[in-house]
Amino acid sequence: MTQVLTVQEFTVFSPEGIPIHGVVHALEDGVRKPVLLLSHGFRGFKEWGFWPHVANGFAERGFYTIRFDFSRIAVKNSGAEERLVEESLTVSRELGDLQSLLYAILGGALPLAEEADSERIALLGHSRAGSSNLIFAAEHDNVSSVVVWNGGATPSAQVSGQPRPIAEDIEQHADRFHIPTRLGSLKIPVLAVQGAADAERVLESFRLLQEAAPEQTYVSIPGADHFFGIVHPYQGTTPYLEEAFEATFGFLTQHLLKKD
């Protein structure tokens, strides 16, 4: 059967009723595939830099791949007042968005649902979304695996200039958002990929992850920065991004594509 890579847009809604716009990438070959949900970072969005390239790459290699905008993107684009925009930026809102997407996956509500195996769901998050993915996985047994790209820090309420709703959310959920604890509780495979030329605070978080769960898998990429050398608008891939991609593909293949 000829394999055709299909890309289809969708919209689901957050628990607050805010649109979450996304795109499914999958080969239409009649074979149910593991689901890979790609989450952008705090300042990112689904069309940023490497995301379309990465989504196509995983889809071409046999994953039902989803990239999406967290609902805060729709709030910002709607011209909402500043208070509503700030309230949309919290970690709790990210977790709610992930819940809506999980329900859509499990309910077969996304495009090309017949190509998706909802019993094999992996999360891949960049930067802050890596932390949100770890929290989410610790609270949802439906998640089979997590990959963190240049992230995994415990959210801090002490960041200078941070909107108050973000800080309040972190203060109210300090134990829930403590990433080393959440990672240590996970019984599923986790991969953390870290650019060695990232900011020191991110590198310190990478070290803390290794201390919290030394049995998990860690990959350091020499010379790679927070974005693996990618810029926006996208101008092509880099060796750093390809190394992160291949490490991730190998890990997910081992845990989600292995034959019985």
C-alpha atoms as a PDB file:
ATOM      1  CA  MET A   1       0.000   0.000   0.000  1.00  0.00           C
ATOM      2  CA  THR A   2       1.311   3.453  -0.897  1.00  0.00           C
ATOM      3  CA  GLN A   3       2.126   5.533   2.146  1.00  0.00           C
ATOM      4  CA  VAL A   4       0.870   9.108   1.923  1.00  0.00           C
ATOM      5  CA  LEU A   5       1.871  11.643   4.568  1.00  0.00           C
ATOM      6  CA  THR A   6      -1.257  13.586   5.450  1.00  0.00           C
ATOM      7  CA  VAL A   7      -1.447  16.805   7.442  1.00  0.00           C
ATOM      8  CA  GLN A   8      -4.809  17.915   8.867  1.00  0.00           C
ATOM      9  CA  GLU A   9      -5.729  20.785  11.180  1.00  0.00           C
ATOM     10  CA  PHE A  10      -8.074  20.512  14.165  1.00  0.00           C
ATOM     11  CA  THR A  11      -9.471  22.503  17.062  1.00  0.00           C
ATOM     12  CA  VAL A  12     -10.370  21.241  20.516  1.00  0.00           C
ATOM     13  CA  PHE A  13     -11.190  23.294  23.581  1.00  0.00           C
ATOM     14  CA  SER A  14      -9.477  23.786  26.924  1.00  0.00           C
ATOM     15  CA  PRO A  15     -11.361  23.217  30.204  1.00  0.00           C
ATOM     16  CA  GLU A  16     -12.000  26.984  30.146  1.00  0.00           C
ATOM     17  CA  GLY A  17     -13.552  26.736  26.666  1.00  0.00           C
ATOM     18  CA  ILE A  18     -10.605  28.344  24.880  1.00  0.00           C
ATOM     19  CA  PRO A  19      -9.597  27.011  21.444  1.00  0.00           C
ATOM     20  CA  ILE A  20      -6.539  24.791  21.151  1.00  0.00           C
ATOM     21  CA  HIS A  21      -5.539  24.766  17.493  1.00  0.00           C
ATOM     22  CA  GLY A  22      -3.429  21.873  16.293  1.00  0.00           C
ATOM     23  CA  VAL A  23      -2.197  19.816  13.366  1.00  0.00           C
ATOM     24  CA  VAL A  24      -1.988  16.045  12.935  1.00  0.00           C
ATOM     25  CA  HIS A  25       0.780  14.552  10.787  1.00  0.00           C
ATOM     26  CA  ALA A  26       0.426  10.862   9.893  1.00  0.00           C
ATOM     27  CA  LEU A  27       0.971   8.307   7.164  1.00  0.00           C
ATOM     28  CA  GLU A  28      -2.350   7.037   5.840  1.00  0.00           C
ATOM     29  CA  ASP A  29      -1.472   3.377   5.592  1.00  0.00           C
ATOM     30  CA  GLY A  30      -4.143   1.753   7.748  1.00  0.00           C
ATOM     31  CA  VAL A  31      -1.660   0.846  10.486  1.00  0.00           C
ATOM     32  CA  ARG A  32      -2.319   2.107  14.006  1.00  0.00           C
ATOM     33  CA  LYS A  33       0.668   4.107  15.181  1.00  0.00           C
ATOM     34  CA  PRO A  34       1.991   5.327  18.517  1.00  0.00           C
ATOM     35  CA  VAL A  35       0.854   8.851  19.273  1.00  0.00           C
ATOM     36  CA  LEU A  36       3.465  11.581  19.780  1.00  0.00           C
ATOM     37  CA  LEU A  37       2.219  14.865  21.229  1.00  0.00           C
ATOM     38  CA  LEU A  38       4.642  17.776  20.648  1.00  0.00           C
ATOM     39  CA  SER A  39       4.421  20.673  23.155  1.00  0.00           C
ATOM     40  CA  HIS A  40       6.087  24.017  22.444  1.00  0.00           C
ATOM     41  CA  GLY A  41       7.857  26.111  25.074  1.00  0.00           C
ATOM     42  CA  PHE A  42       6.666  29.157  26.989  1.00  0.00           C
ATOM     43  CA  ARG A  43       7.470  31.633  24.205  1.00  0.00           C
ATOM     44  CA  GLY A  44       6.890  29.200  21.366  1.00  0.00           C
ATOM     45  CA  PHE A  45       3.963  28.181  19.175  1.00  0.00           C
ATOM     46  CA  LYS A  46       3.193  25.256  16.886  1.00  0.00           C
ATOM     47  CA  GLU A  47       4.582  26.931  13.765  1.00  0.00           C
ATOM     48  CA  TRP A  48       7.785  28.074  15.461  1.00  0.00           C
ATOM     49  CA  GLY A  49      11.114  27.135  13.928  1.00  0.00           C
ATOM     50  CA  PHE A  50      11.668  23.395  14.053  1.00  0.00           C
ATOM     51  CA  TRP A  51       8.181  22.144  14.964  1.00  0.00           C
ATOM     52  CA  PRO A  52       6.745  21.522  11.456  1.00  0.00           C
ATOM     53  CA  HIS A  53      10.024  19.854  10.407  1.00  0.00           C
ATOM     54  CA  VAL A  54      10.112  17.691  13.537  1.00  0.00           C
ATOM     55  CA  ALA A  55       6.447  16.733  13.223  1.00  0.00           C
ATOM     56  CA  ASN A  56       6.909  15.652   9.611  1.00  0.00           C
ATOM     57  CA  GLY A  57      10.033  13.723  10.512  1.00  0.00           C
ATOM     58  CA  PHE A  58       8.379  11.647  13.212  1.00  0.00           C
ATOM     59  CA  ALA A  59       5.277  11.082  11.077  1.00  0.00           C
ATOM     60  CA  GLU A  60       7.381   9.836   8.161  1.00  0.00           C
ATOM     61  CA  ARG A  61       8.957   7.319  10.529  1.00  0.00           C
ATOM     62  CA  GLY A  62       5.697   5.861  11.747  1.00  0.00           C
ATOM     63  CA  PHE A  63       4.259   8.090  14.470  1.00  0.00           C
ATOM     64  CA  TYR A  64       0.832   9.702  14.636  1.00  0.00           C
ATOM     65  CA  THR A  65       2.258  13.119  15.432  1.00  0.00           C
ATOM     66  CA  ILE A  66       0.420  16.108  16.883  1.00  0.00           C
ATOM     67  CA  ARG A  67       1.664  19.664  17.227  1.00  0.00           C
ATOM     68  CA  PHE A  68      -0.545  22.330  18.742  1.00  0.00           C
ATOM     69  CA  ASP A  69      -0.760  25.787  20.249  1.00  0.00           C
ATOM     70  CA  PHE A  70      -1.398  25.958  23.968  1.00  0.00           C
ATOM     71  CA  SER A  71      -4.665  27.838  24.545  1.00  0.00           C
ATOM     72  CA  ARG A  72      -2.748  30.939  25.668  1.00  0.00           C
ATOM     73  CA  ILE A  73      -1.892  31.547  22.009  1.00  0.00           C
ATOM     74  CA  ALA A  74      -5.592  31.885  21.140  1.00  0.00           C
ATOM     75  CA  VAL A  75      -6.128  34.178  24.139  1.00  0.00           C
ATOM     76  CA  LYS A  76      -3.277  36.438  23.074  1.00  0.00           C
ATOM     77  CA  ASN A  77      -4.370  36.479  19.429  1.00  0.00           C
ATOM     78  CA  SER A  78      -7.947  37.350  20.411  1.00  0.00           C
ATOM     79  CA  GLY A  79      -6.868  40.748  21.742  1.00  0.00           C
ATOM     80  CA  ALA A  80      -8.053  39.880  25.252  1.00  0.00           C
ATOM     81  CA  GLU A  81      -7.292  42.235  28.120  1.00  0.00           C
ATOM     82  CA  GLU A  82      -3.940  41.843  29.849  1.00  0.00           C
ATOM     83  CA  ARG A  83      -5.407  40.175  32.941  1.00  0.00           C
ATOM     84  CA  LEU A  84      -6.898  37.351  30.859  1.00  0.00           C
ATOM     85  CA  VAL A  85      -3.692  36.943  28.891  1.00  0.00           C
ATOM     86  CA  GLU A  86      -1.660  36.654  32.097  1.00  0.00           C
ATOM     87  CA  GLU A  87      -4.081  34.130  33.576  1.00  0.00           C
ATOM     88  CA  SER A  88      -3.679  31.975  30.456  1.00  0.00           C
ATOM     89  CA  LEU A  89       0.087  31.662  30.993  1.00  0.00           C
ATOM     90  CA  THR A  90       0.104  29.396  34.044  1.00  0.00           C
ATOM     91  CA  VAL A  91       1.431  25.860  34.341  1.00  0.00           C
ATOM     92  CA  SER A  92      -2.026  24.735  35.453  1.00  0.00           C
ATOM     93  CA  ARG A  93      -3.490  26.012  32.186  1.00  0.00           C
ATOM     94  CA  GLU A  94      -0.885  23.997  30.267  1.00  0.00           C
ATOM     95  CA  LEU A  95      -1.880  20.891  32.194  1.00  0.00           C
ATOM     96  CA  GLY A  96      -5.540  21.543  31.432  1.00  0.00           C
ATOM     97  CA  ASP A  97      -4.752  21.907  27.737  1.00  0.00           C
ATOM     98  CA  LEU A  98      -2.873  18.605  27.776  1.00  0.00           C
ATOM     99  CA  GLN A  99      -5.865  16.978  29.456  1.00  0.00           C
ATOM    100  CA  SER A 100      -8.187  18.216  26.700  1.00  0.00           C
ATOM    101  CA  LEU A 101      -5.831  16.842  24.065  1.00  0.00           C
ATOM    102  CA  LEU A 102      -5.537  13.509  25.855  1.00  0.00           C
ATOM    103  CA  TYR A 103      -9.324  13.180  26.003  1.00  0.00           C
ATOM    104  CA  ALA A 104      -9.523  13.988  22.280  1.00  0.00           C
ATOM    105  CA  ILE A 105      -6.930  11.306  21.505  1.00  0.00           C
ATOM    106  CA  LEU A 106      -8.623   8.680  23.659  1.00  0.00           C
ATOM    107  CA  GLY A 107     -12.033   9.570  22.246  1.00  0.00           C
ATOM    108  CA  GLY A 108     -10.898   9.328  18.634  1.00  0.00           C
ATOM    109  CA  ALA A 109     -11.879  12.963  18.097  1.00  0.00           C
ATOM    110  CA  LEU A 110      -8.800  14.105  16.155  1.00  0.00           C
ATOM    111  CA  PRO A 111      -8.279  13.823  12.379  1.00  0.00           C
ATOM    112  CA  LEU A 112      -7.049  10.482  11.031  1.00  0.00           C
ATOM    113  CA  ALA A 113      -8.040   8.843  14.318  1.00  0.00           C
ATOM    114  CA  GLU A 114      -8.052   5.424  12.652  1.00  0.00           C
ATOM    115  CA  GLU A 115      -4.261   5.759  12.281  1.00  0.00           C
ATOM    116  CA  ALA A 116      -3.690   6.334  16.014  1.00  0.00           C
ATOM    117  CA  ASP A 117      -3.023   3.738  18.709  1.00  0.00           C
ATOM    118  CA  SER A 118      -4.258   5.457  21.866  1.00  0.00           C
ATOM    119  CA  GLU A 119      -2.691   2.760  24.029  1.00  0.00           C
ATOM    120  CA  ARG A 120       0.762   4.077  23.071  1.00  0.00           C
ATOM    121  CA  ILE A 121       1.002   7.803  23.824  1.00  0.00           C
ATOM    122  CA  ALA A 122       4.289   9.673  24.189  1.00  0.00           C
ATOM    123  CA  LEU A 123       4.788  13.317  25.145  1.00  0.00           C
ATOM    124  CA  LEU A 124       7.638  15.479  23.850  1.00  0.00           C
ATOM    125  CA  GLY A 125       7.982  18.923  25.397  1.00  0.00           C
ATOM    126  CA  HIS A 126      10.504  21.707  24.846  1.00  0.00           C
ATOM    127  CA  SER A 127      11.634  24.026  27.648  1.00  0.00           C
ATOM    128  CA  ARG A 128       8.834  24.667  30.206  1.00  0.00           C
ATOM    129  CA  ALA A 129       6.564  22.207  28.416  1.00  0.00           C
ATOM    130  CA  GLY A 130       9.054  19.479  29.310  1.00  0.00           C
ATOM    131  CA  SER A 131       8.262  20.144  32.957  1.00  0.00           C
ATOM    132  CA  SER A 132       4.516  20.244  32.300  1.00  0.00           C
ATOM    133  CA  ASN A 133       4.758  16.941  30.454  1.00  0.00           C
ATOM    134  CA  LEU A 134       6.484  15.292  33.416  1.00  0.00           C
ATOM    135  CA  ILE A 135       3.832  16.575  35.822  1.00  0.00           C
ATOM    136  CA  PHE A 136       1.068  15.462  33.475  1.00  0.00           C
ATOM    137  CA  ALA A 137       2.540  11.995  32.981  1.00  0.00           C
ATOM    138  CA  ALA A 138       2.817  11.504  36.738  1.00  0.00           C
ATOM    139  CA  GLU A 139      -0.932  12.124  36.972  1.00  0.00           C
ATOM    140  CA  HIS A 140      -2.156  10.164  33.927  1.00  0.00           C
ATOM    141  CA  ASP A 141      -1.593   6.440  33.457  1.00  0.00           C
ATOM    142  CA  ASN A 142      -2.445   6.768  29.747  1.00  0.00           C
ATOM    143  CA  VAL A 143       0.990   8.232  29.018  1.00  0.00           C
ATOM    144  CA  SER A 144       3.527   5.606  27.943  1.00  0.00           C
ATOM    145  CA  SER A 145       6.688   7.703  27.652  1.00  0.00           C
ATOM    146  CA  VAL A 146       8.006  11.262  28.014  1.00  0.00           C
ATOM    147  CA  VAL A 147      10.775  13.120  26.189  1.00  0.00           C
ATOM    148  CA  VAL A 148      12.116  16.451  27.459  1.00  0.00           C
ATOM    149  CA  TRP A 149      14.099  18.758  25.191  1.00  0.00           C
ATOM    150  CA  ASN A 150      16.112  21.420  27.027  1.00  0.00           C
ATOM    151  CA  GLY A 151      13.719  21.595  29.945  1.00  0.00           C
ATOM    152  CA  GLY A 152      12.614  19.885  33.116  1.00  0.00           C
ATOM    153  CA  ALA A 153      13.163  22.687  35.612  1.00  0.00           C
ATOM    154  CA  THR A 154      10.875  23.045  38.610  1.00  0.00           C
ATOM    155  CA  PRO A 155       8.766  26.159  37.894  1.00  0.00           C
ATOM    156  CA  SER A 156       9.879  29.097  40.039  1.00  0.00           C
ATOM    157  CA  ALA A 157       7.685  31.802  41.532  1.00  0.00           C
ATOM    158  CA  GLN A 158      10.736  34.033  41.945  1.00  0.00           C
ATOM    159  CA  VAL A 159      11.411  34.899  38.302  1.00  0.00           C
ATOM    160  CA  SER A 160      11.849  38.655  37.925  1.00  0.00           C
ATOM    161  CA  GLY A 161       9.083  40.327  35.938  1.00  0.00           C
ATOM    162  CA  GLN A 162       6.930  37.209  35.862  1.00  0.00           C
ATOM    163  CA  PRO A 163       3.169  37.877  35.681  1.00  0.00           C
ATOM    164  CA  ARG A 164       1.560  37.469  39.087  1.00  0.00           C
ATOM    165  CA  PRO A 165      -0.886  34.711  38.036  1.00  0.00           C
ATOM    166  CA  ILE A 166       2.058  32.477  37.072  1.00  0.00           C
ATOM    167  CA  ALA A 167       3.762  33.024  40.420  1.00  0.00           C
ATOM    168  CA  GLU A 168       0.540  32.457  42.373  1.00  0.00           C
ATOM    169  CA  ASP A 169      -0.134  29.227  40.494  1.00  0.00           C
ATOM    170  CA  ILE A 170       3.350  27.949  41.294  1.00  0.00           C
ATOM    171  CA  GLU A 171       3.063  28.955  44.958  1.00  0.00           C
ATOM    172  CA  GLN A 172      -0.272  27.165  45.282  1.00  0.00           C
ATOM    173  CA  HIS A 173       1.057  23.964  43.691  1.00  0.00           C
ATOM    174  CA  ALA A 174       4.638  23.850  44.954  1.00  0.00           C
ATOM    175  CA  ASP A 175       4.589  20.128  45.755  1.00  0.00           C
ATOM    176  CA  ARG A 176       2.673  19.184  42.608  1.00  0.00           C
ATOM    177  CA  PHE A 177       5.120  21.110  40.418  1.00  0.00           C
ATOM    178  CA  HIS A 178       8.339  19.815  42.058  1.00  0.00           C
ATOM    179  CA  ILE A 179       9.896  18.163  39.030  1.00  0.00           C
ATOM    180  CA  PRO A 180      12.532  15.881  40.619  1.00  0.00           C
ATOM    181  CA  THR A 181       9.802  14.362  42.792  1.00  0.00           C
ATOM    182  CA  ARG A 182       7.412  13.890  39.870  1.00  0.00           C
ATOM    183  CA  LEU A 183      10.158  12.383  37.708  1.00  0.00           C
ATOM    184  CA  GLY A 184      11.238  10.069  40.506  1.00  0.00           C
ATOM    185  CA  SER A 185       7.685   8.758  40.809  1.00  0.00           C
ATOM    186  CA  LEU A 186       7.376   7.797  37.147  1.00  0.00           C
ATOM    187  CA  LYS A 187       7.503   4.117  36.207  1.00  0.00           C
ATOM    188  CA  ILE A 188       7.495   4.820  32.467  1.00  0.00           C
ATOM    189  CA  PRO A 189      10.601   5.500  30.335  1.00  0.00           C
ATOM    190  CA  VAL A 190      11.781   9.112  30.175  1.00  0.00           C
ATOM    191  CA  LEU A 191      14.419  10.685  27.939  1.00  0.00           C
ATOM    192  CA  ALA A 192      15.949  14.101  28.623  1.00  0.00           C
ATOM    193  CA  VAL A 193      17.943  15.659  25.778  1.00  0.00           C
ATOM    194  CA  GLN A 194      19.997  18.691  26.768  1.00  0.00           C
ATOM    195  CA  GLY A 195      22.081  21.117  24.748  1.00  0.00           C
ATOM    196  CA  ALA A 196      25.381  21.521  26.572  1.00  0.00           C
ATOM    197  CA  ALA A 197      25.614  25.224  25.617  1.00  0.00           C
ATOM    198  CA  ASP A 198      22.239  26.094  27.155  1.00  0.00           C
ATOM    199  CA  ALA A 199      21.861  28.539  30.069  1.00  0.00           C
ATOM    200  CA  GLU A 200      23.431  27.423  33.336  1.00  0.00           C
ATOM    201  CA  ARG A 201      20.083  27.297  35.164  1.00  0.00           C
ATOM    202  CA  VAL A 202      18.801  24.828  32.558  1.00  0.00           C
ATOM    203  CA  LEU A 203      21.971  22.750  32.815  1.00  0.00           C
ATOM    204  CA  GLU A 204      21.561  22.647  36.589  1.00  0.00           C
ATOM    205  CA  SER A 205      18.008  21.343  36.136  1.00  0.00           C
ATOM    206  CA  PHE A 206      19.379  18.637  33.843  1.00  0.00           C
ATOM    207  CA  ARG A 207      21.780  17.589  36.608  1.00  0.00           C
ATOM    208  CA  LEU A 208      18.933  17.492  39.132  1.00  0.00           C
ATOM    209  CA  LEU A 209      16.905  15.244  36.846  1.00  0.00           C
ATOM    210  CA  GLN A 210      19.787  12.792  36.671  1.00  0.00           C
ATOM    211  CA  GLU A 211      20.119  12.779  40.442  1.00  0.00           C
ATOM    212  CA  ALA A 212      16.378  12.251  40.932  1.00  0.00           C
ATOM    213  CA  ALA A 213      16.067   9.359  38.478  1.00  0.00           C
ATOM    214  CA  PRO A 214      19.459   7.972  37.413  1.00  0.00           C
ATOM    215  CA  GLU A 215      17.741   4.963  35.830  1.00  0.00           C
ATOM    216  CA  GLN A 216      16.193   7.130  33.124  1.00  0.00           C
ATOM    217  CA  THR A 217      17.922   8.092  29.853  1.00  0.00           C
ATOM    218  CA  TYR A 218      19.935  11.299  29.413  1.00  0.00           C
ATOM    219  CA  VAL A 219      21.628  12.715  26.324  1.00  0.00           C
ATOM    220  CA  SER A 220      23.871  15.796  26.303  1.00  0.00           C
ATOM    221  CA  ILE A 221      24.608  17.443  22.943  1.00  0.00           C
ATOM    222  CA  PRO A 222      27.930  19.353  22.930  1.00  0.00           C
ATOM    223  CA  GLY A 223      27.686  22.862  21.497  1.00  0.00           C
ATOM    224  CA  ALA A 224      23.887  22.891  21.277  1.00  0.00           C
ATOM    225  CA  ASP A 225      21.985  25.874  22.666  1.00  0.00           C
ATOM    226  CA  HIS A 226      18.401  26.067  23.958  1.00  0.00           C
ATOM    227  CA  PHE A 227      16.952  25.827  20.424  1.00  0.00           C
ATOM    228  CA  PHE A 228      19.510  23.388  18.954  1.00  0.00           C
ATOM    229  CA  GLY A 229      20.779  26.209  16.739  1.00  0.00           C
ATOM    230  CA  ILE A 230      17.382  26.723  15.080  1.00  0.00           C
ATOM    231  CA  VAL A 231      15.976  30.186  14.404  1.00  0.00           C
ATOM    232  CA  HIS A 232      12.557  31.503  13.442  1.00  0.00           C
ATOM    233  CA  PRO A 233      11.566  31.904  10.677  1.00  0.00           C
ATOM    234  CA  TYR A 234      12.928  28.443   9.988  1.00  0.00           C
ATOM    235  CA  GLN A 235      16.047  28.405   7.804  1.00  0.00           C
ATOM    236  CA  GLY A 236      16.788  24.708   7.800  1.00  0.00           C
ATOM    237  CA  THR A 237      17.906  22.076  10.220  1.00  0.00           C
ATOM    238  CA  THR A 238      21.202  21.848  12.146  1.00  0.00           C
ATOM    239  CA  PRO A 239      23.407  18.956  13.248  1.00  0.00           C
ATOM    240  CA  TYR A 240      22.295  19.671  16.838  1.00  0.00           C
ATOM    241  CA  LEU A 241      18.602  19.306  16.018  1.00  0.00           C
ATOM    242  CA  GLU A 242      19.232  16.168  13.993  1.00  0.00           C
ATOM    243  CA  GLU A 243      21.151  14.634  16.895  1.00  0.00           C
ATOM    244  CA  ALA A 244      18.266  15.438  19.256  1.00  0.00           C
ATOM    245  CA  PHE A 245      15.793  14.008  16.746  1.00  0.00           C
ATOM    246  CA  GLU A 246      17.731  10.787  16.193  1.00  0.00           C
ATOM    247  CA  ALA A 247      18.270  10.251  19.923  1.00  0.00           C
ATOM    248  CA  THR A 248      14.559  10.747  20.479  1.00  0.00           C
ATOM    249  CA  PHE A 249      13.542   8.512  17.591  1.00  0.00           C
ATOM    250  CA  GLY A 250      15.824   5.745  18.800  1.00  0.00           C
ATOM    251  CA  PHE A 251      14.438   6.004  22.329  1.00  0.00           C
ATOM    252  CA  LEU A 252      10.803   6.006  21.212  1.00  0.00           C
ATOM    253  CA  THR A 253      11.434   3.169  18.775  1.00  0.00           C
ATOM    254  CA  GLN A 254      12.869   1.074  21.589  1.00  0.00           C
ATOM    255  CA  HIS A 255       9.933   1.688  23.894  1.00  0.00           C
ATOM    256  CA  LEU A 256       6.937   2.183  21.572  1.00  0.00           C
ATOM    257  CA  LEU A 257       7.713   0.552  18.229  1.00  0.00           C
ATOM    258  CA  LYS A 258       9.376  -2.650  19.431  1.00  0.00           C
ATOM    259  CA  LYS A 259       7.835  -5.881  18.238  1.00  0.00           C
ATOM    260  CA  ASP A 260       6.313  -8.405  20.614  1.00  0.00           C
END
